[in-house]
Every structure is written in structure tokens, then in C-alpha cells.
Amino acid sequence: MSKIEKLVDRLLSKPADFTWGELTKVLNYYGYKEIKTGKTGGSRRKFADDASHLISLHKPHPGDILKHYQIKEVVESLKERGKLNE
């Protein structure tokens, strides 16, 4: 099993300590790129795939750990797009 596959399995287990960096790696693996906003973009981050499907989240701060609801939203969104199977 590759590192990214292990990371996807970890995401599916919905751990309490999943980081923003881990999430961006998973989203990049599935073809999502962060859409850069201007200087005043705030903490809201958007990711889009080639089909222009958007995933929009607040980047956690001051820490780096995602909230449980954010992980759930990402997993549901990836499943809806047929990118994840459980």
C-alpha cells in the first residue's frame, strides 16, 4: 500500500488529528488544485478539480487540525464525485 493510499484510509477513518497538510495531499491526489484568491482571501480555501467541482473549507487556525465536520464534508463530497469508495 502506497503512502497516499494509507493517507486516504486515514481520512476515511475520520481521525481527530487529521491535518490541513494531509488534506491538501489527498485532494491533490484526486486532481483538486487550490484556487488562489487575492490578498484578502481570509481563511476560506477553495479547491477545484478539472470538472470545476468545488470543495470550500476554512483553513484551521491557529492550529493545523481539521474539525470533524470538515473531514465528513470532504469525504462526502469525494464520494459523491465517485472518487472514493468505502
PDB file of N, CA and C in Angstrom:
ATOM      1  N   MET A   1       0.843  -1.176   0.000  1.00  0.00           N
ATOM      2  CA  MET A   1       0.000   0.000   0.000  1.00  0.00           C
ATOM      3  C   MET A   1       0.893   1.245   0.000  1.00  0.00           C
ATOM      4  N   SER A   2       0.609   2.179  -0.904  1.00  0.00           N
ATOM      5  CA  SER A   2       1.420   3.384  -1.014  1.00  0.00           C
ATOM      6  C   SER A   2       1.097   4.376   0.108  1.00  0.00           C
ATOM      7  N   LYS A   3       1.942   5.382   0.243  1.00  0.00           N
ATOM      8  CA  LYS A   3       1.730   6.397   1.280  1.00  0.00           C
ATOM      9  C   LYS A   3       0.398   7.109   1.099  1.00  0.00           C
ATOM     10  N   ILE A   4       0.069   7.453  -0.148  1.00  0.00           N
ATOM     11  CA  ILE A   4      -1.175   8.182  -0.384  1.00  0.00           C
ATOM     12  C   ILE A   4      -2.381   7.299  -0.101  1.00  0.00           C
ATOM     13  N   GLU A   5      -2.290   6.014  -0.410  1.00  0.00           N
ATOM     14  CA  GLU A   5      -3.392   5.098  -0.100  1.00  0.00           C
ATOM     15  C   GLU A   5      -3.587   4.999   1.408  1.00  0.00           C
ATOM     16  N   LYS A   6      -2.494   4.982   2.149  1.00  0.00           N
ATOM     17  CA  LYS A   6      -2.585   4.961   3.614  1.00  0.00           C
ATOM     18  C   LYS A   6      -3.214   6.251   4.130  1.00  0.00           C
ATOM     19  N   LEU A   7      -2.865   7.368   3.486  1.00  0.00           N
ATOM     20  CA  LEU A   7      -3.423   8.653   3.885  1.00  0.00           C
ATOM     21  C   LEU A   7      -4.926   8.713   3.592  1.00  0.00           C
ATOM     22  N   VAL A   8      -5.340   8.165   2.460  1.00  0.00           N
ATOM     23  CA  VAL A   8      -6.769   8.111   2.129  1.00  0.00           C
ATOM     24  C   VAL A   8      -7.500   7.233   3.138  1.00  0.00           C
ATOM     25  N   ASP A   9      -6.936   6.076   3.485  1.00  0.00           N
ATOM     26  CA  ASP A   9      -7.540   5.210   4.501  1.00  0.00           C
ATOM     27  C   ASP A   9      -7.669   5.944   5.830  1.00  0.00           C
ATOM     28  N   ARG A  10      -6.655   6.718   6.152  1.00  0.00           N
ATOM     29  CA  ARG A  10      -6.678   7.504   7.394  1.00  0.00           C
ATOM     30  C   ARG A  10      -7.808   8.536   7.339  1.00  0.00           C
ATOM     31  N   LEU A  11      -7.978   9.202   6.201  1.00  0.00           N
ATOM     32  CA  LEU A  11      -9.062  10.163   6.041  1.00  0.00           C
ATOM     33  C   LEU A  11     -10.415   9.478   6.228  1.00  0.00           C
ATOM     34  N   LEU A  12     -10.577   8.303   5.635  1.00  0.00           N
ATOM     35  CA  LEU A  12     -11.846   7.574   5.737  1.00  0.00           C
ATOM     36  C   LEU A  12     -12.154   7.135   7.161  1.00  0.00           C
ATOM     37  N   SER A  13     -11.129   6.981   7.988  1.00  0.00           N
ATOM     38  CA  SER A  13     -11.353   6.596   9.380  1.00  0.00           C
ATOM     39  C   SER A  13     -11.771   7.802  10.224  1.00  0.00           C
ATOM     40  N   LYS A  14     -11.743   8.999   9.625  1.00  0.00           N
ATOM     41  CA  LYS A  14     -12.148  10.260  10.256  1.00  0.00           C
ATOM     42  C   LYS A  14     -11.459  10.472  11.609  1.00  0.00           C
ATOM     43  N   PRO A  15     -10.124  10.529  11.584  1.00  0.00           N
ATOM     44  CA  PRO A  15      -9.384  10.691  12.841  1.00  0.00           C
ATOM     45  C   PRO A  15      -9.552  12.104  13.407  1.00  0.00           C
ATOM     46  N   ALA A  16      -9.302  12.241  14.683  1.00  0.00           N
ATOM     47  CA  ALA A  16      -9.423  13.534  15.357  1.00  0.00           C
ATOM     48  C   ALA A  16      -8.205  14.419  15.140  1.00  0.00           C
ATOM     49  N   ASP A  17      -7.152  13.876  14.502  1.00  0.00           N
ATOM     50  CA  ASP A  17      -5.915  14.644  14.349  1.00  0.00           C
ATOM     51  C   ASP A  17      -5.462  14.763  12.888  1.00  0.00           C
ATOM     52  N   PHE A  18      -6.417  14.796  11.952  1.00  0.00           N
ATOM     53  CA  PHE A  18      -6.088  14.921  10.526  1.00  0.00           C
ATOM     54  C   PHE A  18      -5.703  16.366  10.254  1.00  0.00           C
ATOM     55  N   THR A  19      -4.554  16.577   9.608  1.00  0.00           N
ATOM     56  CA  THR A  19      -4.037  17.938   9.431  1.00  0.00           C
ATOM     57  C   THR A  19      -4.400  18.524   8.069  1.00  0.00           C
ATOM     58  N   TRP A  20      -4.260  19.821   7.976  1.00  0.00           N
ATOM     59  CA  TRP A  20      -4.504  20.544   6.727  1.00  0.00           C
ATOM     60  C   TRP A  20      -3.544  20.053   5.636  1.00  0.00           C
ATOM     61  N   GLY A  21      -2.292  19.839   5.990  1.00  0.00           N
ATOM     62  CA  GLY A  21      -1.300  19.351   5.032  1.00  0.00           C
ATOM     63  C   GLY A  21      -1.670  17.983   4.473  1.00  0.00           C
ATOM     64  N   GLU A  22      -2.158  17.105   5.343  1.00  0.00           N
ATOM     65  CA  GLU A  22      -2.596  15.782   4.884  1.00  0.00           C
ATOM     66  C   GLU A  22      -3.787  15.913   3.932  1.00  0.00           C
ATOM     67  N   LEU A  23      -4.707  16.809   4.261  1.00  0.00           N
ATOM     68  CA  LEU A  23      -5.875  17.008   3.412  1.00  0.00           C
ATOM     69  C   LEU A  23      -5.479  17.511   2.033  1.00  0.00           C
ATOM     70  N   THR A  24      -4.580  18.469   1.974  1.00  0.00           N
ATOM     71  CA  THR A  24      -4.172  19.001   0.667  1.00  0.00           C
ATOM     72  C   THR A  24      -3.492  17.927  -0.178  1.00  0.00           C
ATOM     73  N   LYS A  25      -2.742  17.033   0.449  1.00  0.00           N
ATOM     74  CA  LYS A  25      -2.127  15.930  -0.297  1.00  0.00           C
ATOM     75  C   LYS A  25      -3.189  15.015  -0.895  1.00  0.00           C
ATOM     76  N   VAL A  26      -4.213  14.690  -0.103  1.00  0.00           N
ATOM     77  CA  VAL A  26      -5.288  13.817  -0.587  1.00  0.00           C
ATOM     78  C   VAL A  26      -6.044  14.500  -1.729  1.00  0.00           C
ATOM     79  N   LEU A  27      -6.380  15.773  -1.548  1.00  0.00           N
ATOM     80  CA  LEU A  27      -7.115  16.487  -2.597  1.00  0.00           C
ATOM     81  C   LEU A  27      -6.282  16.603  -3.873  1.00  0.00           C
ATOM     82  N   ASN A  28      -5.004  16.861  -3.741  1.00  0.00           N
ATOM     83  CA  ASN A  28      -4.121  16.916  -4.920  1.00  0.00           C
ATOM     84  C   ASN A  28      -4.091  15.568  -5.628  1.00  0.00           C
ATOM     85  N   TYR A  29      -4.071  14.490  -4.875  1.00  0.00           N
ATOM     86  CA  TYR A  29      -4.067  13.141  -5.440  1.00  0.00           C
ATOM     87  C   TYR A  29      -5.310  12.906  -6.312  1.00  0.00           C
ATOM     88  N   TYR A  30      -6.443  13.458  -5.873  1.00  0.00           N
ATOM     89  CA  TYR A  30      -7.690  13.290  -6.617  1.00  0.00           C
ATOM     90  C   TYR A  30      -7.909  14.381  -7.661  1.00  0.00           C
ATOM     91  N   GLY A  31      -6.881  15.165  -7.936  1.00  0.00           N
ATOM     92  CA  GLY A  31      -6.944  16.134  -9.025  1.00  0.00           C
ATOM     93  C   GLY A  31      -7.446  17.514  -8.649  1.00  0.00           C
ATOM     94  N   TYR A  32      -7.544  17.795  -7.369  1.00  0.00           N
ATOM     95  CA  TYR A  32      -8.000  19.110  -6.928  1.00  0.00           C
ATOM     96  C   TYR A  32      -6.797  20.026  -6.738  1.00  0.00           C
ATOM     97  N   LYS A  33      -6.958  21.249  -7.196  1.00  0.00           N
ATOM     98  CA  LYS A  33      -5.927  22.272  -7.033  1.00  0.00           C
ATOM     99  C   LYS A  33      -6.531  23.427  -6.256  1.00  0.00           C
ATOM    100  N   GLU A  34      -5.721  24.025  -5.391  1.00  0.00           N
ATOM    101  CA  GLU A  34      -6.213  25.164  -4.621  1.00  0.00           C
ATOM    102  C   GLU A  34      -6.366  26.368  -5.543  1.00  0.00           C
ATOM    103  N   ILE A  35      -7.510  27.020  -5.441  1.00  0.00           N
ATOM    104  CA  ILE A  35      -7.759  28.236  -6.204  1.00  0.00           C
ATOM    105  C   ILE A  35      -7.214  29.393  -5.378  1.00  0.00           C
ATOM    106  N   LYS A  36      -6.265  30.093  -5.959  1.00  0.00           N
ATOM    107  CA  LYS A  36      -5.652  31.205  -5.240  1.00  0.00           C
ATOM    108  C   LYS A  36      -6.577  32.414  -5.295  1.00  0.00           C
ATOM    109  N   THR A  37      -6.809  32.982  -4.126  1.00  0.00           N
ATOM    110  CA  THR A  37      -7.596  34.199  -4.053  1.00  0.00           C
ATOM    111  C   THR A  37      -6.658  35.358  -3.784  1.00  0.00           C
ATOM    112  N   GLY A  38      -7.182  36.547  -3.797  1.00  0.00           N
ATOM    113  CA  GLY A  38      -6.360  37.736  -3.575  1.00  0.00           C
ATOM    114  C   GLY A  38      -5.800  37.814  -2.177  1.00  0.00           C
ATOM    115  N   LYS A  39      -5.186  38.930  -1.902  1.00  0.00           N
ATOM    116  CA  LYS A  39      -4.563  39.156  -0.598  1.00  0.00           C
ATOM    117  C   LYS A  39      -5.536  38.980   0.554  1.00  0.00           C
ATOM    118  N   THR A  40      -6.781  39.375   0.352  1.00  0.00           N
ATOM    119  CA  THR A  40      -7.755  39.370   1.431  1.00  0.00           C
ATOM    120  C   THR A  40      -8.663  38.149   1.387  1.00  0.00           C
ATOM    121  N   GLY A  41      -8.141  37.036   0.952  1.00  0.00           N
ATOM    122  CA  GLY A  41      -8.932  35.818   0.842  1.00  0.00           C
ATOM    123  C   GLY A  41      -9.380  35.261   2.169  1.00  0.00           C
ATOM    124  N   GLY A  42      -8.771  35.691   3.244  1.00  0.00           N
ATOM    125  CA  GLY A  42      -9.138  35.187   4.562  1.00  0.00           C
ATOM    126  C   GLY A  42      -8.764  33.733   4.731  1.00  0.00           C
ATOM    127  N   SER A  43      -9.473  33.054   5.610  1.00  0.00           N
ATOM    128  CA  SER A  43      -9.132  31.661   5.892  1.00  0.00           C
ATOM    129  C   SER A  43      -9.900  30.680   5.005  1.00  0.00           C
ATOM    130  N   ARG A  44     -10.838  31.166   4.208  1.00  0.00           N
ATOM    131  CA  ARG A  44     -11.603  30.295   3.312  1.00  0.00           C
ATOM    132  C   ARG A  44     -10.714  29.857   2.154  1.00  0.00           C
ATOM    133  N   ARG A  45     -10.634  28.548   1.940  1.00  0.00           N
ATOM    134  CA  ARG A  45      -9.841  27.988   0.848  1.00  0.00           C
ATOM    135  C   ARG A  45     -10.756  27.177  -0.055  1.00  0.00           C
ATOM    136  N   LYS A  46     -10.546  27.311  -1.363  1.00  0.00           N
ATOM    137  CA  LYS A  46     -11.337  26.565  -2.339  1.00  0.00           C
ATOM    138  C   LYS A  46     -10.410  25.689  -3.166  1.00  0.00           C
ATOM    139  N   PHE A  47     -10.885  24.491  -3.430  1.00  0.00           N
ATOM    140  CA  PHE A  47     -10.174  23.536  -4.268  1.00  0.00           C
ATOM    141  C   PHE A  47     -11.112  23.140  -5.399  1.00  0.00           C
ATOM    142  N   ALA A  48     -10.570  23.047  -6.619  1.00  0.00           N
ATOM    143  CA  ALA A  48     -11.380  22.667  -7.773  1.00  0.00           C
ATOM    144  C   ALA A  48     -10.673  21.558  -8.548  1.00  0.00           C
ATOM    145  N   ASP A  49     -11.484  20.649  -9.121  1.00  0.00           N
ATOM    146  CA  ASP A  49     -10.916  19.614  -9.984  1.00  0.00           C
ATOM    147  C   ASP A  49     -11.078  20.045 -11.436  1.00  0.00           C
ATOM    148  N   ASP A  50     -10.724  19.181 -12.372  1.00  0.00           N
ATOM    149  CA  ASP A  50     -10.796  19.509 -13.795  1.00  0.00           C
ATOM    150  C   ASP A  50     -12.220  19.776 -14.270  1.00  0.00           C
ATOM    151  N   ALA A  51     -13.210  19.191 -13.585  1.00  0.00           N
ATOM    152  CA  ALA A  51     -14.610  19.387 -13.944  1.00  0.00           C
ATOM    153  C   ALA A  51     -15.210  20.597 -13.217  1.00  0.00           C
ATOM    154  N   SER A  52     -14.366  21.376 -12.585  1.00  0.00           N
ATOM    155  CA  SER A  52     -14.766  22.586 -11.843  1.00  0.00           C
ATOM    156  C   SER A  52     -15.641  22.293 -10.631  1.00  0.00           C
ATOM    157  N   HIS A  53     -15.543  21.085 -10.096  1.00  0.00           N
ATOM    158  CA  HIS A  53     -16.232  20.772  -8.844  1.00  0.00           C
ATOM    159  C   HIS A  53     -15.466  21.432  -7.708  1.00  0.00           C
ATOM    160  N   LEU A  54     -16.155  22.192  -6.875  1.00  0.00           N
ATOM    161  CA  LEU A  54     -15.507  22.933  -5.792  1.00  0.00           C
ATOM    162  C   LEU A  54     -15.672  22.264  -4.442  1.00  0.00           C
ATOM    163  N   ILE A  55     -14.613  22.327  -3.658  1.00  0.00           N
ATOM    164  CA  ILE A  55     -14.648  21.980  -2.248  1.00  0.00           C
ATOM    165  C   ILE A  55     -14.143  23.223  -1.530  1.00  0.00           C
ATOM    166  N   SER A  56     -14.969  23.770  -0.646  1.00  0.00           N
ATOM    167  CA  SER A  56     -14.645  25.012   0.025  1.00  0.00           C
ATOM    168  C   SER A  56     -14.595  24.771   1.535  1.00  0.00           C
ATOM    169  N   LEU A  57     -13.486  25.152   2.142  1.00  0.00           N
ATOM    170  CA  LEU A  57     -13.271  24.926   3.579  1.00  0.00           C
ATOM    171  C   LEU A  57     -12.569  26.117   4.208  1.00  0.00           C
ATOM    172  N   HIS A  58     -12.755  26.247   5.513  1.00  0.00           N
ATOM    173  CA  HIS A  58     -11.954  27.214   6.258  1.00  0.00           C
ATOM    174  C   HIS A  58     -10.670  26.518   6.681  1.00  0.00           C
ATOM    175  N   LYS A  59      -9.543  27.161   6.414  1.00  0.00           N
ATOM    176  CA  LYS A  59      -8.266  26.616   6.862  1.00  0.00           C
ATOM    177  C   LYS A  59      -8.199  26.805   8.373  1.00  0.00           C
ATOM    178  N   PRO A  60      -7.907  25.717   9.102  1.00  0.00           N
ATOM    179  CA  PRO A  60      -7.878  25.843  10.561  1.00  0.00           C
ATOM    180  C   PRO A  60      -6.758  26.769  11.029  1.00  0.00           C
ATOM    181  N   HIS A  61      -7.058  27.536  12.045  1.00  0.00           N
ATOM    182  CA  HIS A  61      -6.041  28.391  12.655  1.00  0.00           C
ATOM    183  C   HIS A  61      -6.464  28.677  14.077  1.00  0.00           C
ATOM    184  N   PRO A  62      -5.615  28.846  15.008  1.00  0.00           N
ATOM    185  CA  PRO A  62      -4.168  28.895  14.861  1.00  0.00           C
ATOM    186  C   PRO A  62      -3.532  27.517  14.685  1.00  0.00           C
ATOM    187  N   GLY A  63      -4.256  26.467  14.975  1.00  0.00           N
ATOM    188  CA  GLY A  63      -3.702  25.120  14.810  1.00  0.00           C
ATOM    189  C   GLY A  63      -3.799  24.651  13.373  1.00  0.00           C
ATOM    190  N   ASP A  64      -3.499  23.381  13.152  1.00  0.00           N
ATOM    191  CA  ASP A  64      -3.467  22.810  11.811  1.00  0.00           C
ATOM    192  C   ASP A  64      -4.404  21.611  11.690  1.00  0.00           C
ATOM    193  N   ILE A  65      -5.176  21.331  12.756  1.00  0.00           N
ATOM    194  CA  ILE A  65      -6.025  20.145  12.804  1.00  0.00           C
ATOM    195  C   ILE A  65      -7.427  20.485  12.300  1.00  0.00           C
ATOM    196  N   LEU A  66      -7.940  19.643  11.393  1.00  0.00           N
ATOM    197  CA  LEU A  66      -9.279  19.849  10.847  1.00  0.00           C
ATOM    198  C   LEU A  66     -10.344  19.466  11.863  1.00  0.00           C
ATOM    199  N   LYS A  67     -11.474  20.128  11.781  1.00  0.00           N
ATOM    200  CA  LYS A  67     -12.633  19.776  12.598  1.00  0.00           C
ATOM    201  C   LYS A  67     -13.289  18.534  12.000  1.00  0.00           C
ATOM    202  N   HIS A  68     -14.008  17.804  12.851  1.00  0.00           N
ATOM    203  CA  HIS A  68     -14.653  16.573  12.412  1.00  0.00           C
ATOM    204  C   HIS A  68     -15.630  16.828  11.260  1.00  0.00           C
ATOM    205  N   TYR A  69     -16.402  17.922  11.330  1.00  0.00           N
ATOM    206  CA  TYR A  69     -17.376  18.201  10.286  1.00  0.00           C
ATOM    207  C   TYR A  69     -16.697  18.481   8.940  1.00  0.00           C
ATOM    208  N   GLN A  70     -15.482  19.041   8.959  1.00  0.00           N
ATOM    209  CA  GLN A  70     -14.765  19.311   7.715  1.00  0.00           C
ATOM    210  C   GLN A  70     -14.346  18.010   7.041  1.00  0.00           C
ATOM    211  N   ILE A  71     -13.854  17.086   7.836  1.00  0.00           N
ATOM    212  CA  ILE A  71     -13.455  15.780   7.299  1.00  0.00           C
ATOM    213  C   ILE A  71     -14.671  15.082   6.696  1.00  0.00           C
ATOM    214  N   LYS A  72     -15.784  15.127   7.415  1.00  0.00           N
ATOM    215  CA  LYS A  72     -17.016  14.495   6.949  1.00  0.00           C
ATOM    216  C   LYS A  72     -17.463  15.114   5.621  1.00  0.00           C
ATOM    217  N   GLU A  73     -17.410  16.447   5.501  1.00  0.00           N
ATOM    218  CA  GLU A  73     -17.814  17.123   4.265  1.00  0.00           C
ATOM    219  C   GLU A  73     -16.927  16.732   3.089  1.00  0.00           C
ATOM    220  N   VAL A  74     -15.624  16.651   3.324  1.00  0.00           N
ATOM    221  CA  VAL A  74     -14.694  16.284   2.247  1.00  0.00           C
ATOM    222  C   VAL A  74     -14.945  14.850   1.793  1.00  0.00           C
ATOM    223  N   VAL A  75     -15.094  13.940   2.738  1.00  0.00           N
ATOM    224  CA  VAL A  75     -15.338  12.535   2.399  1.00  0.00           C
ATOM    225  C   VAL A  75     -16.637  12.411   1.603  1.00  0.00           C
ATOM    226  N   GLU A  76     -17.701  13.069   2.069  1.00  0.00           N
ATOM    227  CA  GLU A  76     -18.983  13.000   1.358  1.00  0.00           C
ATOM    228  C   GLU A  76     -18.867  13.580  -0.045  1.00  0.00           C
ATOM    229  N   SER A  77     -18.172  14.681  -0.179  1.00  0.00           N
ATOM    230  CA  SER A  77     -18.003  15.322  -1.480  1.00  0.00           C
ATOM    231  C   SER A  77     -17.226  14.425  -2.446  1.00  0.00           C
ATOM    232  N   LEU A  78     -16.151  13.805  -1.960  1.00  0.00           N
ATOM    233  CA  LEU A  78     -15.361  12.918  -2.816  1.00  0.00           C
ATOM    234  C   LEU A  78     -16.156  11.672  -3.200  1.00  0.00           C
ATOM    235  N   LYS A  79     -17.001  11.180  -2.303  1.00  0.00           N
ATOM    236  CA  LYS A  79     -17.841  10.020  -2.613  1.00  0.00           C
ATOM    237  C   LYS A  79     -18.881  10.383  -3.663  1.00  0.00           C
ATOM    238  N   GLU A  80     -19.479  11.566  -3.524  1.00  0.00           N
ATOM    239  CA  GLU A  80     -20.484  11.999  -4.493  1.00  0.00           C
ATOM    240  C   GLU A  80     -19.904  12.092  -5.903  1.00  0.00           C
ATOM    241  N   ARG A  81     -18.656  12.473  -5.999  1.00  0.00           N
ATOM    242  CA  ARG A  81     -17.989  12.611  -7.294  1.00  0.00           C
ATOM    243  C   ARG A  81     -17.422  11.281  -7.790  1.00  0.00           C
ATOM    244  N   GLY A  82     -17.600  10.203  -7.013  1.00  0.00           N
ATOM    245  CA  GLY A  82     -17.131   8.881  -7.427  1.00  0.00           C
ATOM    246  C   GLY A  82     -15.630   8.688  -7.286  1.00  0.00           C
ATOM    247  N   LYS A  83     -14.996   9.537  -6.474  1.00  0.00           N
ATOM    248  CA  LYS A  83     -13.540   9.439  -6.304  1.00  0.00           C
ATOM    249  C   LYS A  83     -13.158   8.545  -5.143  1.00  0.00           C
ATOM    250  N   LEU A  84     -14.088   8.323  -4.231  1.00  0.00           N
ATOM    251  CA  LEU A  84     -13.820   7.491  -3.046  1.00  0.00           C
ATOM    252  C   LEU A  84     -14.845   6.383  -2.949  1.00  0.00           C
ATOM    253  N   ASN A  85     -14.392   5.236  -2.499  1.00  0.00           N
ATOM    254  CA  ASN A  85     -15.263   4.112  -2.154  1.00  0.00           C
ATOM    255  C   ASN A  85     -14.888   3.687  -0.752  1.00  0.00           C
ATOM    256  N   GLU A  86     -15.863   3.264   0.024  1.00  0.00           N
ATOM    257  CA  GLU A  86     -15.510   2.782   1.366  1.00  0.00           C
ATOM    258  C   GLU A  86     -15.467   1.300   1.401  1.00  0.00           C
TER     259      GLU A  86
END
